[in-house]
Each structure stands twice: as C-alpha cells, then as structure tokens.
Amino acid sequence: MSGVLWTLFVVFSTVSVFAIGGPSALIPEYHRQIVGVLHLMDDQAFVHSVVLSQLAPGPNMLFISFIGWQVAGFAGLLVSTSAIIGPTALLSFGVGRLMEGRRDASWVKAVKSSLAPIVVALTTASAMVTARAADHDLVGIALTVGAAAFMTLFKRNPLWIIAGGAMIGIAAGRLGLMPPV
C-alpha cells in the first residue's frame, strides 16, 4: 500500500472509531487531519466533497469516499471507504454482543443518555467547520446564516434551503456578487 493510501487508511480508520453521531459529526477532525495536518486537500476541495456527498442519495458518509477519490483516485476511494466501515462495524458488533441482556442496566441507560448531547455538540462543530471553510464572501455567509435561521425557526424540509440557496447563488453569480466556483 502506497504512502498516501496508508495515510488515508490510518486517518479514517482511527477517527471512525469515535464516530458518535455518524461520520458527519467528525467533519472537524477529518478537516483538521486532511487539510490542516496532512495538506492532502485545500479547504475548497474538502468542502466540495462534503457538500456533494450531502446532495447525493445514499449514506452521509459518502464524503469520505469522495475525499479518498480526490486524494488518490479509485484506490483512495476503496481504502477510505473500507477504513470508515471496517473498524466501526467490528466495534458495533462487539458492543452489540456486550449489550445483550444488559439493556436495563443503569450504566447502559447513563451511557445512552449522555450520547445525545455529545452528538449535538459534534454536529454543531461540523457545521461550524464546514461553514468557516466554505464561506469566503458576504453572499456565502448570508446563505449560511439564513439557512441556519430558517431551519431553527421554521423546521421545514432542508430541500427548501437547497432550492433557495441554489436560486440565490445563481442570481448572485449573474449579478457578479459571487465568484464562479
């Protein structure tokens, strides 16, 4: 396995073990590793991987496959995807076996109740890292703040935000308020 493929495997397999709330909750750590520490991608390529994976049908962990593809082609896609799935599948299987017959134990209930705030905090951090990496102009910042406000206040389907953002982005691009992507 080449150096880049090994690096992708180590980053995604070690971080995946802590994927409380799913891979999206670990976007800040993946960003720190892939962009900040290893310099395998820049902010824009990282954000494009995350955004494209969220728009595509399928699991929300697709951004890891996209990152692997952009860094090392098809081999990178296979290594990154295997690295995120393998260790967490084994850990889930082991924890599932451990939990059999213990679902009513007080320590199990305490662990389960403590995970919700952790997931909320990790998801919020993911949103902040992605926004900071993506928003480099006034239109982007306004779209991010507007989308967050819309979801908080109106609790509608996120497709409305995607459609509205696309329309605003097209209009801003036509008016020269936003640089082309």
C-alpha atoms as a PDB file:
ATOM      1  CA  MET A   1       0.000   0.000   0.000  1.00  0.00           C
ATOM      2  CA  SER A   2       1.445   3.352  -1.008  1.00  0.00           C
ATOM      3  CA  GLY A   3       2.172   6.121   1.494  1.00  0.00           C
ATOM      4  CA  VAL A   4      -0.904   8.209   0.626  1.00  0.00           C
ATOM      5  CA  LEU A   5      -3.219   5.193   0.747  1.00  0.00           C
ATOM      6  CA  TRP A   6      -1.768   4.116   4.086  1.00  0.00           C
ATOM      7  CA  THR A   7      -2.212   7.652   5.414  1.00  0.00           C
ATOM      8  CA  LEU A   8      -5.874   7.697   4.305  1.00  0.00           C
ATOM      9  CA  PHE A   9      -6.435   4.308   5.928  1.00  0.00           C
ATOM     10  CA  VAL A  10      -4.882   5.361   9.241  1.00  0.00           C
ATOM     11  CA  VAL A  11      -6.747   8.691   9.404  1.00  0.00           C
ATOM     12  CA  PHE A  12     -10.173   7.308   8.540  1.00  0.00           C
ATOM     13  CA  SER A  13      -9.920   4.053  10.500  1.00  0.00           C
ATOM     14  CA  THR A  14      -8.666   5.620  13.733  1.00  0.00           C
ATOM     15  CA  VAL A  15     -11.062   8.561  13.720  1.00  0.00           C
ATOM     16  CA  SER A  16     -14.022   6.376  12.664  1.00  0.00           C
ATOM     17  CA  VAL A  17     -13.930   4.522  15.971  1.00  0.00           C
ATOM     18  CA  PHE A  18     -15.102   7.738  17.653  1.00  0.00           C
ATOM     19  CA  ALA A  19     -17.958   8.388  15.193  1.00  0.00           C
ATOM     20  CA  ILE A  20     -20.619   9.068  17.807  1.00  0.00           C
ATOM     21  CA  GLY A  21     -23.428  10.541  15.750  1.00  0.00           C
ATOM     22  CA  GLY A  22     -22.045   9.200  12.488  1.00  0.00           C
ATOM     23  CA  PRO A  23     -19.235  10.308  10.190  1.00  0.00           C
ATOM     24  CA  SER A  24     -20.695  13.787   9.723  1.00  0.00           C
ATOM     25  CA  ALA A  25     -20.064  14.528  13.384  1.00  0.00           C
ATOM     26  CA  LEU A  26     -16.353  14.005  12.754  1.00  0.00           C
ATOM     27  CA  ILE A  27     -16.012  16.517   9.913  1.00  0.00           C
ATOM     28  CA  PRO A  28     -13.940  18.894  12.103  1.00  0.00           C
ATOM     29  CA  GLU A  29     -11.371  16.200  12.861  1.00  0.00           C
ATOM     30  CA  TYR A  30     -11.260  14.972   9.270  1.00  0.00           C
ATOM     31  CA  HIS A  31     -10.823  18.581   8.133  1.00  0.00           C
ATOM     32  CA  ARG A  32      -8.033  19.120  10.664  1.00  0.00           C
ATOM     33  CA  GLN A  33      -6.233  15.964   9.546  1.00  0.00           C
ATOM     34  CA  ILE A  34      -6.747  16.058   5.762  1.00  0.00           C
ATOM     35  CA  VAL A  35      -6.459  19.831   5.225  1.00  0.00           C
ATOM     36  CA  GLY A  36      -4.562  21.192   8.223  1.00  0.00           C
ATOM     37  CA  VAL A  37      -2.071  18.498   9.226  1.00  0.00           C
ATOM     38  CA  LEU A  38      -1.501  16.376   6.109  1.00  0.00           C
ATOM     39  CA  HIS A  39      -2.252  19.025   3.440  1.00  0.00           C
ATOM     40  CA  LEU A  40      -3.803  16.402   1.149  1.00  0.00           C
ATOM     41  CA  MET A  41      -6.560  18.850   0.088  1.00  0.00           C
ATOM     42  CA  ASP A  42      -7.390  22.521   0.410  1.00  0.00           C
ATOM     43  CA  ASP A  43     -10.478  23.980   2.114  1.00  0.00           C
ATOM     44  CA  GLN A  44     -12.431  24.319  -1.108  1.00  0.00           C
ATOM     45  CA  ALA A  45     -11.868  20.710  -2.239  1.00  0.00           C
ATOM     46  CA  PHE A  46     -12.776  19.442   1.238  1.00  0.00           C
ATOM     47  CA  VAL A  47     -15.997  21.470   1.355  1.00  0.00           C
ATOM     48  CA  HIS A  48     -16.930  20.380  -2.173  1.00  0.00           C
ATOM     49  CA  SER A  49     -16.534  16.740  -1.084  1.00  0.00           C
ATOM     50  CA  VAL A  50     -18.793  17.275   1.923  1.00  0.00           C
ATOM     51  CA  VAL A  51     -21.433  19.243   0.001  1.00  0.00           C
ATOM     52  CA  LEU A  52     -21.524  16.853  -2.949  1.00  0.00           C
ATOM     53  CA  SER A  53     -21.932  13.870  -0.634  1.00  0.00           C
ATOM     54  CA  GLN A  54     -24.820  15.542   1.182  1.00  0.00           C
ATOM     55  CA  LEU A  55     -26.601  16.236  -2.105  1.00  0.00           C
ATOM     56  CA  ALA A  56     -26.105  12.723  -3.467  1.00  0.00           C
ATOM     57  CA  PRO A  57     -28.503   9.969  -2.489  1.00  0.00           C
ATOM     58  CA  GLY A  58     -27.102   7.405  -0.118  1.00  0.00           C
ATOM     59  CA  PRO A  59     -25.370   7.389   3.232  1.00  0.00           C
ATOM     60  CA  ASN A  60     -23.957  10.607   4.648  1.00  0.00           C
ATOM     61  CA  MET A  61     -20.516   9.007   4.873  1.00  0.00           C
ATOM     62  CA  LEU A  62     -20.031   9.409   1.119  1.00  0.00           C
ATOM     63  CA  PHE A  63     -17.830  12.451   1.707  1.00  0.00           C
ATOM     64  CA  ILE A  64     -15.130  10.106   2.966  1.00  0.00           C
ATOM     65  CA  SER A  65     -15.250   8.186  -0.309  1.00  0.00           C
ATOM     66  CA  PHE A  66     -15.119  11.477  -2.255  1.00  0.00           C
ATOM     67  CA  ILE A  67     -12.090  12.611  -0.263  1.00  0.00           C
ATOM     68  CA  GLY A  68     -10.340   9.314  -0.966  1.00  0.00           C
ATOM     69  CA  TRP A  69     -11.186   9.663  -4.667  1.00  0.00           C
ATOM     70  CA  GLN A  70      -9.827  13.207  -4.875  1.00  0.00           C
ATOM     71  CA  VAL A  71      -6.637  12.366  -2.989  1.00  0.00           C
ATOM     72  CA  ALA A  72      -5.733   9.006  -4.580  1.00  0.00           C
ATOM     73  CA  GLY A  73      -8.256   8.079  -7.274  1.00  0.00           C
ATOM     74  CA  PHE A  74     -10.195   4.816  -7.231  1.00  0.00           C
ATOM     75  CA  ALA A  75      -7.736   3.136  -4.847  1.00  0.00           C
ATOM     76  CA  GLY A  76      -8.176   6.062  -2.431  1.00  0.00           C
ATOM     77  CA  LEU A  77     -11.952   5.680  -2.635  1.00  0.00           C
ATOM     78  CA  LEU A  78     -11.727   1.973  -1.782  1.00  0.00           C
ATOM     79  CA  VAL A  79      -9.244   2.470   1.057  1.00  0.00           C
ATOM     80  CA  SER A  80     -11.119   5.405   2.614  1.00  0.00           C
ATOM     81  CA  THR A  81     -14.490   3.672   2.411  1.00  0.00           C
ATOM     82  CA  SER A  82     -13.111   0.415   3.862  1.00  0.00           C
ATOM     83  CA  ALA A  83     -11.337   2.319   6.627  1.00  0.00           C
ATOM     84  CA  ILE A  84     -14.518   4.063   7.779  1.00  0.00           C
ATOM     85  CA  ILE A  85     -16.691   0.930   7.577  1.00  0.00           C
ATOM     86  CA  GLY A  86     -14.390  -1.834   8.854  1.00  0.00           C
ATOM     87  CA  PRO A  87     -13.371  -0.726  12.341  1.00  0.00           C
ATOM     88  CA  THR A  88     -16.773   0.728  13.224  1.00  0.00           C
ATOM     89  CA  ALA A  89     -18.539  -2.426  12.036  1.00  0.00           C
ATOM     90  CA  LEU A  90     -16.303  -4.553  14.247  1.00  0.00           C
ATOM     91  CA  LEU A  91     -16.764  -2.185  17.191  1.00  0.00           C
ATOM     92  CA  SER A  92     -20.550  -2.137  16.707  1.00  0.00           C
ATOM     93  CA  PHE A  93     -20.651  -5.913  16.571  1.00  0.00           C
ATOM     94  CA  GLY A  94     -18.569  -6.181  19.762  1.00  0.00           C
ATOM     95  CA  VAL A  95     -20.617  -3.610  21.666  1.00  0.00           C
ATOM     96  CA  GLY A  96     -23.846  -5.241  20.467  1.00  0.00           C
ATOM     97  CA  ARG A  97     -22.686  -8.578  21.827  1.00  0.00           C
ATOM     98  CA  LEU A  98     -21.659  -6.933  25.108  1.00  0.00           C
ATOM     99  CA  MET A  99     -25.057  -5.215  25.445  1.00  0.00           C
ATOM    100  CA  GLU A 100     -27.081  -8.415  25.008  1.00  0.00           C
ATOM    101  CA  GLY A 101     -29.064  -8.902  28.199  1.00  0.00           C
ATOM    102  CA  ARG A 102     -27.841  -5.648  29.750  1.00  0.00           C
ATOM    103  CA  ARG A 103     -30.221  -3.133  28.182  1.00  0.00           C
ATOM    104  CA  ASP A 104     -31.917  -2.366  31.507  1.00  0.00           C
ATOM    105  CA  ALA A 105     -28.692  -1.860  33.472  1.00  0.00           C
ATOM    106  CA  SER A 106     -28.333   1.615  34.979  1.00  0.00           C
ATOM    107  CA  TRP A 107     -24.871   2.158  33.467  1.00  0.00           C
ATOM    108  CA  VAL A 108     -26.217   1.375  29.984  1.00  0.00           C
ATOM    109  CA  LYS A 109     -29.015   3.916  30.416  1.00  0.00           C
ATOM    110  CA  ALA A 110     -26.495   6.506  31.670  1.00  0.00           C
ATOM    111  CA  VAL A 111     -24.230   5.955  28.660  1.00  0.00           C
ATOM    112  CA  LYS A 112     -27.154   6.200  26.225  1.00  0.00           C
ATOM    113  CA  SER A 113     -28.480   9.413  27.778  1.00  0.00           C
ATOM    114  CA  SER A 114     -25.042  11.028  27.688  1.00  0.00           C
ATOM    115  CA  LEU A 115     -24.573  10.383  23.968  1.00  0.00           C
ATOM    116  CA  ALA A 116     -27.304  12.770  22.747  1.00  0.00           C
ATOM    117  CA  PRO A 117     -25.584  15.981  23.952  1.00  0.00           C
ATOM    118  CA  ILE A 118     -22.281  14.733  22.534  1.00  0.00           C
ATOM    119  CA  VAL A 119     -23.862  14.145  19.120  1.00  0.00           C
ATOM    120  CA  VAL A 120     -25.443  17.622  19.140  1.00  0.00           C
ATOM    121  CA  ALA A 121     -22.108  19.236  20.035  1.00  0.00           C
ATOM    122  CA  LEU A 122     -20.181  17.286  17.382  1.00  0.00           C
ATOM    123  CA  THR A 123     -22.778  18.062  14.717  1.00  0.00           C
ATOM    124  CA  THR A 124     -22.692  21.754  15.609  1.00  0.00           C
ATOM    125  CA  ALA A 125     -18.898  21.742  15.411  1.00  0.00           C
ATOM    126  CA  SER A 126     -19.130  20.063  11.990  1.00  0.00           C
ATOM    127  CA  ALA A 127     -21.461  22.760  10.738  1.00  0.00           C
ATOM    128  CA  MET A 128     -19.152  25.487  12.022  1.00  0.00           C
ATOM    129  CA  VAL A 129     -16.015  23.974  10.448  1.00  0.00           C
ATOM    130  CA  THR A 130     -17.748  23.455   7.113  1.00  0.00           C
ATOM    131  CA  ALA A 131     -19.159  26.988   7.115  1.00  0.00           C
ATOM    132  CA  ARG A 132     -15.814  28.519   8.051  1.00  0.00           C
ATOM    133  CA  ALA A 133     -14.066  26.581   5.267  1.00  0.00           C
ATOM    134  CA  ALA A 134     -16.751  27.409   2.669  1.00  0.00           C
ATOM    135  CA  ASP A 135     -17.812  30.970   3.425  1.00  0.00           C
ATOM    136  CA  HIS A 136     -15.295  33.401   1.980  1.00  0.00           C
ATOM    137  CA  ASP A 137     -17.652  36.140   0.836  1.00  0.00           C
ATOM    138  CA  LEU A 138     -20.693  38.045   2.064  1.00  0.00           C
ATOM    139  CA  VAL A 139     -23.159  36.002  -0.016  1.00  0.00           C
ATOM    140  CA  GLY A 140     -21.870  32.710   1.407  1.00  0.00           C
ATOM    141  CA  ILE A 141     -22.012  33.978   4.966  1.00  0.00           C
ATOM    142  CA  ALA A 142     -25.537  35.324   4.431  1.00  0.00           C
ATOM    143  CA  LEU A 143     -26.657  31.997   2.953  1.00  0.00           C
ATOM    144  CA  THR A 144     -25.230  30.061   5.888  1.00  0.00           C
ATOM    145  CA  VAL A 145     -26.807  32.322   8.495  1.00  0.00           C
ATOM    146  CA  GLY A 146     -30.108  32.380   6.584  1.00  0.00           C
ATOM    147  CA  ALA A 147     -30.192  28.582   6.255  1.00  0.00           C
ATOM    148  CA  ALA A 148     -29.465  28.107   9.954  1.00  0.00           C
ATOM    149  CA  ALA A 149     -32.154  30.627  10.899  1.00  0.00           C
ATOM    150  CA  PHE A 150     -34.678  29.045   8.527  1.00  0.00           C
ATOM    151  CA  MET A 151     -34.100  25.562   9.951  1.00  0.00           C
ATOM    152  CA  THR A 152     -34.222  26.823  13.529  1.00  0.00           C
ATOM    153  CA  LEU A 153     -37.321  28.973  13.160  1.00  0.00           C
ATOM    154  CA  PHE A 154     -39.458  27.110  10.626  1.00  0.00           C
ATOM    155  CA  LYS A 155     -38.353  23.465  10.867  1.00  0.00           C
ATOM    156  CA  ARG A 156     -39.094  22.710   7.221  1.00  0.00           C
ATOM    157  CA  ASN A 157     -37.642  20.168   4.848  1.00  0.00           C
ATOM    158  CA  PRO A 158     -33.979  21.002   4.059  1.00  0.00           C
ATOM    159  CA  LEU A 159     -34.777  20.764   0.336  1.00  0.00           C
ATOM    160  CA  TRP A 160     -36.302  24.249   0.632  1.00  0.00           C
ATOM    161  CA  ILE A 161     -32.922  25.547   1.795  1.00  0.00           C
ATOM    162  CA  ILE A 162     -31.103  23.779  -1.022  1.00  0.00           C
ATOM    163  CA  ALA A 163     -33.510  25.160  -3.630  1.00  0.00           C
ATOM    164  CA  GLY A 164     -33.413  28.659  -2.148  1.00  0.00           C
ATOM    165  CA  GLY A 165     -29.629  28.618  -1.869  1.00  0.00           C
ATOM    166  CA  ALA A 166     -29.301  27.481  -5.474  1.00  0.00           C
ATOM    167  CA  MET A 167     -31.584  30.272  -6.681  1.00  0.00           C
ATOM    168  CA  ILE A 168     -29.754  32.896  -4.617  1.00  0.00           C
ATOM    169  CA  GLY A 169     -26.385  31.549  -5.773  1.00  0.00           C
ATOM    170  CA  ILE A 170     -27.420  31.696  -9.431  1.00  0.00           C
ATOM    171  CA  ALA A 171     -28.751  35.233  -9.010  1.00  0.00           C
ATOM    172  CA  ALA A 172     -25.644  36.373  -7.128  1.00  0.00           C
ATOM    173  CA  GLY A 173     -23.406  34.845  -9.788  1.00  0.00           C
ATOM    174  CA  ARG A 174     -25.330  36.568 -12.588  1.00  0.00           C
ATOM    175  CA  LEU A 175     -25.107  39.888 -10.747  1.00  0.00           C
ATOM    176  CA  GLY A 176     -21.371  39.436 -10.184  1.00  0.00           C
ATOM    177  CA  LEU A 177     -21.746  39.323  -6.396  1.00  0.00           C
ATOM    178  CA  MET A 178     -20.228  35.885  -6.104  1.00  0.00           C
ATOM    179  CA  PRO A 179     -17.134  34.464  -7.806  1.00  0.00           C
ATOM    180  CA  PRO A 180     -17.650  31.425 -10.068  1.00  0.00           C
ATOM    181  CA  VAL A 181     -16.985  28.041  -8.495  1.00  0.00           C
END
